[in-house]
Amino acid sequence: MKPINRIIVTPFIILIMVFPLITLLFFNLSVDYYLDKNAKTELKGVVKTMESVVKKELPGNLRNTTAANLAAPFANLYRALQTSKLAVNTEMLFYTRNKELLNIRGDKDSFINNQLITRMTEMLPSMQDNKVYTIRIGTDKYFVLSYPLTDAGGPAVVFVSSADKEIALVHFINLILTGIMLLGALLAIWLARRLSVRITRPVSELCRLTRDIGSGEFRVPLRGTGDDILELHRLNQSIGEMSAKLEAYDKSQKAFLQKASHELKTPLMSIQGYAEGVMNGVLPDVKHAAQVIHSESKRLGTLVEELLTLSRIESQTYSKELAPVDLENILKEYIQRLGGLAAKHERKLLLTLSDKPVFVLADDALLSQAVTNIVSNCLRYAKTTVSITLLEEGNSAVIRVADDGEGIPKPDLPHIFERFYKGKGGNFGLGLAIAKSAVEFMGGSIRADNGQAGAVFIITLPKYSG
């Protein structure tokens, strides 16, 4: 695994090294092609301009003219070329029919050297007329054009142009470009390292924060950590939100364990006390003690079952899959089961159904527990009647459970679905918490409020269309 700074800096360095070199190579090839083409064009232009001077200065028939006779006209041509400024960097060489070079340049400073003369003399027999040739000697480059004075094989004027100024210009431009590229490379590396530090530093801080959270030390988000980088700022905020939620969950779990321990401890102490009384013979009414032990054992079993159900739902280990359920038929079954409890409390259950079947994806056991817990809670606080109504609202099925009691006290409303929160006359404080977890497990929602007369619980589930 590579650190972030290496992942960021390495591509920068590779790009900075490769791209400028490729750019420099293409630039030199392009400039070299352009300058060569331009120099050849200029050389042809010089030859075309000098053509009239050549015809004027040289005799009409050069076939039988000796080298001595040609020296004077050639010298005039040479002086004409030098004084006309047709080409600042162009020279002329004069060859007789026998390819003898006439030395008429005098003591003029010239780029012509013996090595170049030797190469041109060797190439002259194979040169095509009026065609520009390139001669390279070391790092120097020359352009050569042979202009025949008569027919093929006769005396000729050879025009030579040096590319030393073009080469010097290219070298100078290369030097400037190399300096700019080096400066750009250093600047890019500096920016890449600076950017990597701006990223790695807050990432390291966030790593330390997550380690602290993992060890149970819940911390607030680090101010100033990656605030100038949107993604890091959002990550910092997300970690802060996660930390707050984990802290709240940790506190709720600790409170859950404390309350569960307390709820379990009460029936266990009662069972233990009566059992010891029976064993030691201090309780004269053994039958009554047995009834208390049985009642508390039953209460303890109910509490443990509810705790297990709530734990399975909240830990996502509840294994049953959801299936299409007809709410009309299933609500009728639930009301029949609750008939005995309603009679015990001397209350009535009123069920109002929709005009047509309403299907939802649900788990029968969870839905039964949710509805049963809510209806049982309403029966406990109702004066005479608990009504259960099935409604349709858009793509949702709504089960509305209402009683005609005194309603839910306002201080209790925000906490009514919390675990072990018991209102006046409550049992364990788990029934409504289980109902909420069960409904949410099935993709629905539940809320409680006070109606015109008593409490109102509303269960909303998405309809199943098949």
Protein backbone atom coordinates (compact mmCIF):
# COMPACT_ATOMS: atom_id res chain seq x y z
CA MET A 1 0.00 0.00 0.00
CA LYS A 2 1.24 3.47 -0.91
CA PRO A 3 0.76 6.67 1.11
CA ILE A 4 -1.35 9.46 -0.36
CA ASN A 5 1.60 11.84 -0.84
CA ARG A 6 3.42 9.27 -3.01
CA ILE A 7 0.27 8.53 -5.01
CA ILE A 8 -0.16 12.26 -5.68
CA VAL A 9 3.50 13.29 -6.19
CA THR A 10 4.68 10.32 -8.31
CA PRO A 11 2.29 10.89 -11.27
CA PHE A 12 3.18 14.59 -11.16
CA ILE A 13 6.89 13.82 -11.44
CA ILE A 14 6.35 11.30 -14.24
CA LEU A 15 4.10 13.72 -16.12
CA ILE A 16 6.53 16.59 -15.60
CA MET A 17 9.45 14.51 -16.90
CA VAL A 18 7.75 12.83 -19.86
CA PHE A 19 5.39 15.48 -21.20
CA PRO A 20 7.96 18.32 -21.46
CA LEU A 21 10.46 15.98 -23.15
CA ILE A 22 7.83 14.92 -25.69
CA THR A 23 6.85 18.56 -26.17
CA LEU A 24 10.48 19.57 -26.64
CA LEU A 25 11.05 16.75 -29.13
CA PHE A 26 8.01 17.67 -31.25
CA PHE A 27 8.92 21.35 -31.04
CA ASN A 28 12.45 20.71 -32.32
CA LEU A 29 11.19 18.48 -35.11
CA SER A 30 8.58 21.06 -36.13
CA VAL A 31 10.96 24.02 -35.93
CA ASP A 32 13.71 22.08 -37.73
CA TYR A 33 11.30 21.17 -40.53
CA TYR A 34 10.03 24.74 -40.81
CA LEU A 35 13.50 26.34 -40.79
CA ASP A 36 14.82 23.82 -43.30
CA LYS A 37 11.91 24.46 -45.61
CA ASN A 38 12.27 28.21 -45.18
CA ALA A 39 16.04 28.12 -45.78
CA LYS A 40 15.62 26.03 -48.95
CA THR A 41 12.96 28.42 -50.21
CA GLU A 42 15.24 31.40 -49.54
CA LEU A 43 18.13 29.69 -51.28
CA LYS A 44 16.00 29.06 -54.36
CA GLY A 45 14.89 32.69 -54.24
CA VAL A 46 18.52 33.85 -54.19
CA VAL A 47 19.33 31.63 -57.19
CA LYS A 48 16.34 32.92 -59.13
CA THR A 49 17.31 36.54 -58.40
CA MET A 50 20.97 35.95 -59.32
CA GLU A 51 20.02 34.21 -62.55
CA SER A 52 19.77 37.48 -64.50
CA VAL A 53 23.12 38.66 -63.15
CA VAL A 54 24.70 35.35 -64.15
CA LYS A 55 23.43 35.63 -67.71
CA LYS A 56 24.67 39.24 -67.91
CA GLU A 57 28.16 38.68 -66.52
CA LEU A 58 29.07 35.37 -68.11
CA PRO A 59 29.79 34.95 -71.82
CA GLY A 60 27.17 33.29 -73.99
CA ASN A 61 29.16 30.19 -74.82
CA LEU A 62 31.12 28.76 -71.90
CA ARG A 63 31.91 25.46 -73.54
CA ASN A 64 35.45 26.44 -74.68
CA THR A 65 36.18 29.10 -72.11
CA THR A 66 39.19 28.49 -69.90
CA ALA A 67 39.36 28.81 -66.15
CA ALA A 68 41.42 31.98 -66.49
CA ASN A 69 38.74 33.59 -68.64
CA LEU A 70 36.04 32.64 -66.15
CA ALA A 71 37.85 34.06 -63.13
CA ALA A 72 36.93 37.68 -63.79
CA PRO A 73 33.17 37.12 -64.53
CA PHE A 74 32.88 34.81 -61.54
CA ALA A 75 34.54 37.38 -59.32
CA ASN A 76 32.00 39.97 -60.51
CA LEU A 77 29.16 37.58 -59.68
CA TYR A 78 30.60 36.93 -56.25
CA ARG A 79 30.92 40.63 -55.53
CA ALA A 80 27.36 41.17 -56.78
CA LEU A 81 26.08 38.53 -54.38
CA GLN A 82 28.03 40.00 -51.46
CA THR A 83 26.92 43.57 -52.10
CA SER A 84 23.30 42.86 -53.04
CA LYS A 85 22.35 41.54 -49.55
CA LEU A 86 20.15 38.97 -51.23
CA ALA A 87 21.20 36.47 -48.68
CA VAL A 88 23.12 37.37 -45.57
CA ASN A 89 24.35 33.84 -45.05
CA THR A 90 24.82 32.60 -48.62
CA GLU A 91 28.03 31.89 -50.56
CA MET A 92 28.80 30.99 -54.20
CA LEU A 93 31.35 28.50 -55.46
CA PHE A 94 32.36 28.35 -59.12
CA TYR A 95 33.28 25.07 -60.80
CA THR A 96 34.64 24.63 -64.32
CA ARG A 97 33.61 21.90 -66.72
CA ASN A 98 36.29 19.71 -65.18
CA LYS A 99 34.84 20.31 -61.72
CA GLU A 100 37.77 22.54 -60.85
CA LEU A 101 36.95 24.98 -58.06
CA LEU A 102 37.83 28.62 -58.77
CA ASN A 103 39.14 30.31 -55.64
CA ILE A 104 37.82 33.84 -56.11
CA ARG A 105 36.55 34.56 -52.59
CA GLY A 106 39.74 36.32 -51.60
CA ASP A 107 40.21 36.98 -47.91
CA LYS A 108 36.53 37.38 -47.16
CA ASP A 109 35.38 35.86 -43.88
CA SER A 110 33.27 32.91 -44.85
CA PHE A 111 31.68 29.83 -43.32
CA ILE A 112 33.11 27.80 -46.24
CA ASN A 113 35.79 25.42 -45.03
CA ASN A 114 37.88 22.74 -46.62
CA GLN A 115 35.78 19.92 -45.23
CA LEU A 116 32.63 21.41 -46.74
CA ILE A 117 34.39 21.99 -50.08
CA THR A 118 35.53 18.37 -50.13
CA ARG A 119 32.00 17.11 -49.48
CA MET A 120 30.49 19.35 -52.15
CA THR A 121 33.15 18.38 -54.69
CA GLU A 122 32.35 14.71 -54.05
CA MET A 123 28.60 15.29 -54.35
CA LEU A 124 28.70 17.63 -57.38
CA PRO A 125 28.75 14.95 -60.11
CA SER A 126 25.59 13.33 -58.70
CA MET A 127 23.73 16.56 -57.92
CA GLN A 128 20.56 17.31 -59.82
CA ASP A 129 20.28 20.80 -61.14
CA ASN A 130 18.29 23.32 -59.11
CA LYS A 131 17.68 20.81 -56.32
CA VAL A 132 18.56 21.75 -52.73
CA TYR A 133 20.71 19.25 -50.83
CA THR A 134 21.47 19.15 -47.12
CA ILE A 135 25.03 18.56 -45.90
CA ARG A 136 25.78 17.93 -42.23
CA ILE A 137 29.28 18.26 -40.82
CA GLY A 138 29.31 17.65 -37.10
CA THR A 139 26.72 19.95 -35.56
CA ASP A 140 26.76 22.28 -38.57
CA LYS A 141 24.22 22.10 -41.36
CA TYR A 142 24.40 23.52 -44.89
CA PHE A 143 22.04 23.76 -47.85
CA VAL A 144 23.58 23.36 -51.33
CA LEU A 145 22.09 24.03 -54.79
CA SER A 146 23.92 23.51 -58.10
CA TYR A 147 23.02 25.95 -60.91
CA PRO A 148 24.30 24.82 -64.33
CA LEU A 149 25.68 27.51 -66.63
CA THR A 150 25.37 25.41 -69.79
CA ASP A 151 24.14 21.93 -70.53
CA ALA A 152 24.67 18.95 -68.26
CA GLY A 153 28.24 18.39 -67.22
CA GLY A 154 29.30 21.98 -67.94
CA PRO A 155 30.53 24.67 -65.57
CA ALA A 156 28.25 25.41 -62.64
CA VAL A 157 27.65 27.88 -59.86
CA VAL A 158 27.06 26.22 -56.49
CA PHE A 159 25.08 28.26 -53.96
CA VAL A 160 25.70 27.36 -50.33
CA SER A 161 23.64 28.54 -47.37
CA SER A 162 24.62 27.98 -43.73
CA ALA A 163 22.00 27.12 -41.11
CA ASP A 164 24.17 28.25 -38.19
CA LYS A 165 21.83 31.13 -37.30
CA GLU A 166 18.79 28.88 -37.39
CA ILE A 167 20.60 26.30 -35.24
CA ALA A 168 21.65 29.00 -32.79
CA LEU A 169 18.04 30.23 -32.63
CA VAL A 170 16.75 26.72 -31.95
CA HIS A 171 19.38 26.19 -29.25
CA PHE A 172 18.45 29.50 -27.66
CA ILE A 173 14.74 28.64 -27.72
CA ASN A 174 15.52 25.17 -26.32
CA LEU A 175 17.48 26.79 -23.53
CA ILE A 176 14.56 29.06 -22.68
CA LEU A 177 12.05 26.20 -22.89
CA THR A 178 14.24 23.96 -20.75
CA GLY A 179 14.47 26.69 -18.11
CA ILE A 180 10.71 27.22 -18.19
CA MET A 181 10.09 23.48 -17.98
CA LEU A 182 12.49 23.06 -15.06
CA LEU A 183 10.87 25.97 -13.27
CA GLY A 184 7.43 24.53 -14.01
CA ALA A 185 8.57 21.09 -12.82
CA LEU A 186 9.86 22.49 -9.54
CA LEU A 187 6.68 24.51 -9.08
CA ALA A 188 4.49 21.49 -9.90
CA ILE A 189 6.41 19.25 -7.47
CA TRP A 190 6.10 21.92 -4.78
CA LEU A 191 2.36 22.24 -5.42
CA ALA A 192 1.94 18.45 -5.46
CA ARG A 193 3.72 18.08 -2.13
CA ARG A 194 1.75 20.97 -0.68
CA LEU A 195 -1.50 19.44 -1.94
CA SER A 196 -0.58 16.02 -0.55
CA VAL A 197 0.20 17.56 2.84
CA ARG A 198 -3.15 19.40 2.80
CA ILE A 199 -4.86 16.06 2.25
CA THR A 200 -2.74 13.69 4.33
CA ARG A 201 -2.67 15.88 7.45
CA PRO A 202 -6.48 16.04 7.92
CA VAL A 203 -6.81 12.40 6.87
CA SER A 204 -4.31 11.44 9.59
CA GLU A 205 -6.26 13.52 12.10
CA LEU A 206 -9.48 11.83 11.06
CA CYS A 207 -7.79 8.42 11.38
CA ARG A 208 -6.80 9.27 14.96
CA LEU A 209 -10.36 10.43 15.61
CA THR A 210 -11.85 7.17 14.32
CA ARG A 211 -9.36 5.15 16.43
CA ASP A 212 -10.44 7.10 19.50
CA ILE A 213 -14.10 6.46 18.65
CA GLY A 214 -13.33 2.77 18.18
CA SER A 215 -11.77 2.64 21.65
CA GLY A 216 -14.89 4.20 23.16
CA GLU A 217 -13.66 7.79 23.39
CA PHE A 218 -16.38 9.68 21.54
CA ARG A 219 -15.07 13.03 20.38
CA VAL A 220 -16.59 15.99 18.62
CA PRO A 221 -15.47 16.77 15.02
CA LEU A 222 -12.06 18.39 14.68
CA ARG A 223 -12.47 22.04 13.80
CA GLY A 224 -10.32 23.23 10.93
CA THR A 225 -9.65 19.68 9.73
CA GLY A 226 -10.03 19.73 5.94
CA ASP A 227 -12.45 22.68 6.08
CA ASP A 228 -11.04 24.04 2.81
CA ILE A 229 -11.63 20.70 1.02
CA LEU A 230 -15.30 19.91 0.53
CA GLU A 231 -15.00 16.10 0.64
CA LEU A 232 -12.80 16.12 3.75
CA HIS A 233 -15.11 18.64 5.41
CA ARG A 234 -18.06 16.36 4.72
CA LEU A 235 -16.10 13.34 5.95
CA ASN A 236 -15.25 15.22 9.15
CA GLN A 237 -18.92 16.10 9.63
CA SER A 238 -19.99 12.51 8.90
CA ILE A 239 -17.50 11.14 11.44
CA GLY A 240 -18.78 13.68 13.95
CA GLU A 241 -22.38 12.61 13.31
CA MET A 242 -21.34 8.97 13.54
CA SER A 243 -19.55 9.69 16.82
CA ALA A 244 -22.64 11.38 18.23
CA LYS A 245 -24.87 8.51 17.16
CA LEU A 246 -22.47 5.91 18.54
CA GLU A 247 -22.24 7.81 21.80
CA ALA A 248 -26.03 7.99 22.02
CA TYR A 249 -26.28 4.30 21.13
CA ASP A 250 -23.63 3.43 23.72
CA LYS A 251 -25.50 5.37 26.37
CA SER A 252 -28.81 3.79 25.36
CA GLN A 253 -27.27 0.32 25.51
CA LYS A 254 -25.83 0.99 28.96
CA ALA A 255 -29.18 2.37 30.10
CA PHE A 256 -30.88 -0.64 28.51
CA LEU A 257 -28.66 -3.05 30.40
CA GLN A 258 -29.19 -1.19 33.65
CA LYS A 259 -32.96 -1.08 33.24
CA ALA A 260 -33.10 -4.68 32.00
CA SER A 261 -31.05 -5.77 35.00
CA HIS A 262 -33.40 -3.89 37.29
CA GLU A 263 -36.50 -5.36 35.67
CA LEU A 264 -35.04 -8.85 35.81
CA LYS A 265 -33.80 -8.42 39.35
CA THR A 266 -37.23 -7.58 40.80
CA PRO A 267 -39.03 -10.87 39.91
CA LEU A 268 -35.86 -12.88 40.61
CA MET A 269 -35.61 -11.43 44.12
CA SER A 270 -39.28 -12.17 44.71
CA ILE A 271 -38.86 -15.76 43.48
CA GLN A 272 -35.68 -16.20 45.52
CA GLY A 273 -37.28 -14.78 48.66
CA TYR A 274 -40.37 -16.97 48.55
CA ALA A 275 -38.30 -20.04 47.58
CA GLU A 276 -35.97 -19.53 50.60
CA GLY A 277 -39.02 -18.97 52.85
CA VAL A 278 -40.49 -22.28 51.72
CA MET A 279 -37.16 -24.07 52.16
CA ASN A 280 -36.64 -22.70 55.66
CA GLY A 281 -40.26 -23.27 56.69
CA VAL A 282 -40.86 -19.66 57.66
CA LEU A 283 -43.87 -19.28 55.32
CA PRO A 284 -46.92 -21.03 56.69
CA ASP A 285 -48.93 -20.62 53.47
CA VAL A 286 -46.86 -22.64 51.01
CA LYS A 287 -49.59 -22.59 48.40
CA HIS A 288 -49.60 -18.81 48.31
CA ALA A 289 -45.79 -18.78 48.02
CA ALA A 290 -45.99 -21.22 45.10
CA GLN A 291 -48.54 -19.00 43.37
CA VAL A 292 -46.26 -15.96 43.77
CA ILE A 293 -43.28 -17.91 42.46
CA HIS A 294 -45.33 -19.11 39.49
CA SER A 295 -46.63 -15.60 38.75
CA GLU A 296 -43.22 -14.00 38.98
CA SER A 297 -41.66 -16.78 36.88
CA LYS A 298 -44.31 -16.21 34.22
CA ARG A 299 -43.69 -12.45 34.39
CA LEU A 300 -39.95 -13.07 34.13
CA GLY A 301 -40.41 -15.34 31.10
CA THR A 302 -42.55 -12.71 29.37
CA LEU A 303 -39.91 -10.05 30.03
CA VAL A 304 -37.10 -12.24 28.71
CA GLU A 305 -39.12 -13.10 25.58
CA GLU A 306 -39.80 -9.44 24.91
CA LEU A 307 -36.13 -8.57 25.42
CA LEU A 308 -35.07 -11.28 22.99
CA THR A 309 -37.62 -10.14 20.40
CA LEU A 310 -36.50 -6.53 20.67
CA SER A 311 -32.83 -7.54 20.49
CA ARG A 312 -33.35 -9.70 17.38
CA ILE A 313 -35.21 -6.93 15.56
CA GLU A 314 -32.76 -4.15 16.40
CA SER A 315 -29.67 -6.27 15.67
CA GLN A 316 -31.12 -7.27 12.25
CA THR A 317 -30.92 -10.97 13.16
CA TYR A 318 -34.64 -11.56 12.79
CA SER A 319 -34.57 -14.24 10.10
CA LYS A 320 -38.16 -14.40 8.86
CA GLU A 321 -38.91 -12.94 5.44
CA LEU A 322 -41.79 -10.61 4.67
CA ALA A 323 -44.76 -11.98 2.72
CA PRO A 324 -47.97 -10.48 1.29
CA VAL A 325 -50.63 -10.21 4.02
CA ASP A 326 -54.34 -9.32 3.72
CA LEU A 327 -54.82 -6.78 6.52
CA GLU A 328 -58.61 -7.23 6.61
CA ASN A 329 -58.43 -10.94 7.44
CA ILE A 330 -55.44 -10.69 9.75
CA LEU A 331 -56.89 -7.78 11.77
CA LYS A 332 -60.05 -9.84 12.33
CA GLU A 333 -57.89 -12.64 13.77
CA TYR A 334 -56.03 -10.23 16.05
CA ILE A 335 -59.28 -8.75 17.39
CA GLN A 336 -60.63 -12.23 18.11
CA ARG A 337 -57.49 -13.07 20.10
CA LEU A 338 -57.82 -9.84 22.08
CA GLY A 339 -61.49 -10.44 22.87
CA GLY A 340 -60.70 -12.09 26.21
CA LEU A 341 -58.38 -9.26 27.27
CA ALA A 342 -61.05 -6.71 26.34
CA ALA A 343 -63.63 -8.62 28.41
CA LYS A 344 -61.21 -8.74 31.33
CA HIS A 345 -60.89 -4.93 31.24
CA GLU A 346 -64.63 -4.59 30.52
CA ARG A 347 -63.93 -2.69 27.29
CA LYS A 348 -65.27 -2.96 23.76
CA LEU A 349 -63.24 -3.45 20.56
CA LEU A 350 -64.61 -1.83 17.39
CA LEU A 351 -63.08 -2.84 14.05
CA THR A 352 -63.71 -0.76 10.89
CA LEU A 353 -62.35 -2.19 7.62
CA SER A 354 -61.86 -0.88 4.10
CA ASP A 355 -64.26 -1.59 1.24
CA LYS A 356 -61.71 -3.76 -0.55
CA PRO A 357 -58.81 -6.04 0.44
CA VAL A 358 -55.61 -4.25 1.45
CA PHE A 359 -52.32 -6.14 1.09
CA VAL A 360 -48.96 -5.29 2.64
CA LEU A 361 -45.59 -7.04 2.91
CA ALA A 362 -45.32 -8.05 6.53
CA ASP A 363 -44.32 -10.76 8.98
CA ASP A 364 -47.36 -12.17 10.76
CA ALA A 365 -45.60 -12.59 14.10
CA LEU A 366 -44.15 -9.08 14.12
CA LEU A 367 -47.35 -7.42 12.90
CA SER A 368 -49.36 -9.37 15.45
CA GLN A 369 -47.05 -8.30 18.26
CA ALA A 370 -47.11 -4.67 17.15
CA VAL A 371 -50.92 -4.46 16.89
CA THR A 372 -51.46 -6.55 20.02
CA ASN A 373 -49.11 -4.41 22.10
CA ILE A 374 -50.75 -1.17 20.97
CA VAL A 375 -54.32 -2.43 21.43
CA SER A 376 -53.41 -3.89 24.85
CA ASN A 377 -51.96 -0.55 25.86
CA CYS A 378 -55.15 1.24 24.73
CA LEU A 379 -57.37 -1.27 26.58
CA ARG A 380 -55.47 -0.50 29.77
CA TYR A 381 -56.22 3.24 29.55
CA ALA A 382 -59.59 3.32 27.72
CA LYS A 383 -62.82 4.13 29.51
CA THR A 384 -65.19 2.04 27.41
CA THR A 385 -64.03 1.52 23.84
CA VAL A 386 -60.96 0.94 21.67
CA SER A 387 -61.48 1.41 17.92
CA ILE A 388 -59.29 -0.12 15.21
CA THR A 389 -59.69 1.36 11.71
CA LEU A 390 -58.08 0.26 8.43
CA LEU A 391 -57.55 3.06 5.90
CA GLU A 392 -55.82 3.60 2.56
CA GLU A 393 -53.80 6.73 1.92
CA GLY A 394 -52.17 6.77 -1.50
CA ASN A 395 -49.64 3.93 -1.64
CA SER A 396 -49.87 3.28 2.09
CA ALA A 397 -52.10 1.22 4.35
CA VAL A 398 -52.93 2.86 7.69
CA ILE A 399 -54.01 1.09 10.87
CA ARG A 400 -55.48 3.62 13.32
CA VAL A 401 -55.91 2.51 16.94
CA ALA A 402 -57.69 4.95 19.28
CA ASP A 403 -59.12 4.81 22.81
CA ASP A 404 -61.51 7.05 24.70
CA GLY A 405 -59.29 7.45 27.74
CA GLU A 406 -57.60 10.52 29.15
CA GLY A 407 -54.90 10.54 26.48
CA ILE A 408 -51.12 10.54 26.77
CA PRO A 409 -49.62 13.19 29.06
CA LYS A 410 -47.63 15.71 27.05
CA PRO A 411 -44.36 15.06 28.94
CA ASP A 412 -44.64 11.37 28.00
CA LEU A 413 -45.33 11.81 24.26
CA PRO A 414 -41.66 12.25 23.12
CA HIS A 415 -40.56 9.16 25.12
CA ILE A 416 -43.48 6.79 24.72
CA PHE A 417 -41.65 4.46 22.29
CA GLU A 418 -38.40 4.36 24.29
CA ARG A 419 -37.34 1.11 25.90
CA PHE A 420 -38.29 0.73 29.57
CA TYR A 421 -40.10 4.05 29.56
CA LYS A 422 -43.20 3.40 31.64
CA GLY A 423 -46.08 5.78 31.94
CA LYS A 424 -48.70 5.64 34.61
CA GLY A 425 -49.90 2.04 34.94
CA GLY A 426 -47.27 0.61 32.57
CA ASN A 427 -45.75 -2.87 32.88
CA PHE A 428 -42.18 -3.28 31.58
CA GLY A 429 -42.00 -0.33 29.18
CA LEU A 430 -41.13 -2.67 26.28
CA GLY A 431 -44.44 -3.17 24.49
CA LEU A 432 -44.50 0.07 22.51
CA ALA A 433 -40.73 -0.11 21.87
CA ILE A 434 -41.22 -3.57 20.35
CA ALA A 435 -44.16 -2.30 18.28
CA LYS A 436 -42.05 0.56 16.89
CA SER A 437 -39.07 -1.69 16.05
CA ALA A 438 -41.37 -4.32 14.46
CA VAL A 439 -43.18 -1.79 12.24
CA GLU A 440 -39.91 -0.15 11.14
CA PHE A 441 -38.45 -3.60 10.40
CA MET A 442 -41.32 -4.09 7.93
CA GLY A 443 -40.57 -0.75 6.24
CA GLY A 444 -43.34 1.23 7.95
CA SER A 445 -43.66 3.90 10.60
CA ILE A 446 -45.59 4.45 13.80
CA ARG A 447 -46.54 7.56 15.73
CA ALA A 448 -48.67 8.47 18.74
CA ASP A 449 -50.72 11.52 19.53
CA ASN A 450 -53.82 12.63 21.38
CA GLY A 451 -57.14 12.78 19.58
CA GLN A 452 -60.34 14.51 20.61
CA ALA A 453 -60.94 11.78 23.17
CA GLY A 454 -57.97 9.68 24.22
CA ALA A 455 -54.77 8.44 22.66
CA VAL A 456 -54.32 7.69 18.97
CA PHE A 457 -51.71 5.34 17.49
CA ILE A 458 -51.17 5.31 13.72
CA ILE A 459 -49.30 2.47 11.96
CA THR A 460 -48.36 3.15 8.32
CA LEU A 461 -47.19 0.36 6.01
CA PRO A 462 -46.45 0.45 2.26
CA LYS A 463 -49.13 -1.33 0.23
CA TYR A 464 -48.24 -4.43 -1.75
CA SER A 465 -49.45 -4.27 -5.36
CA GLY A 466 -48.21 -7.69 -6.44
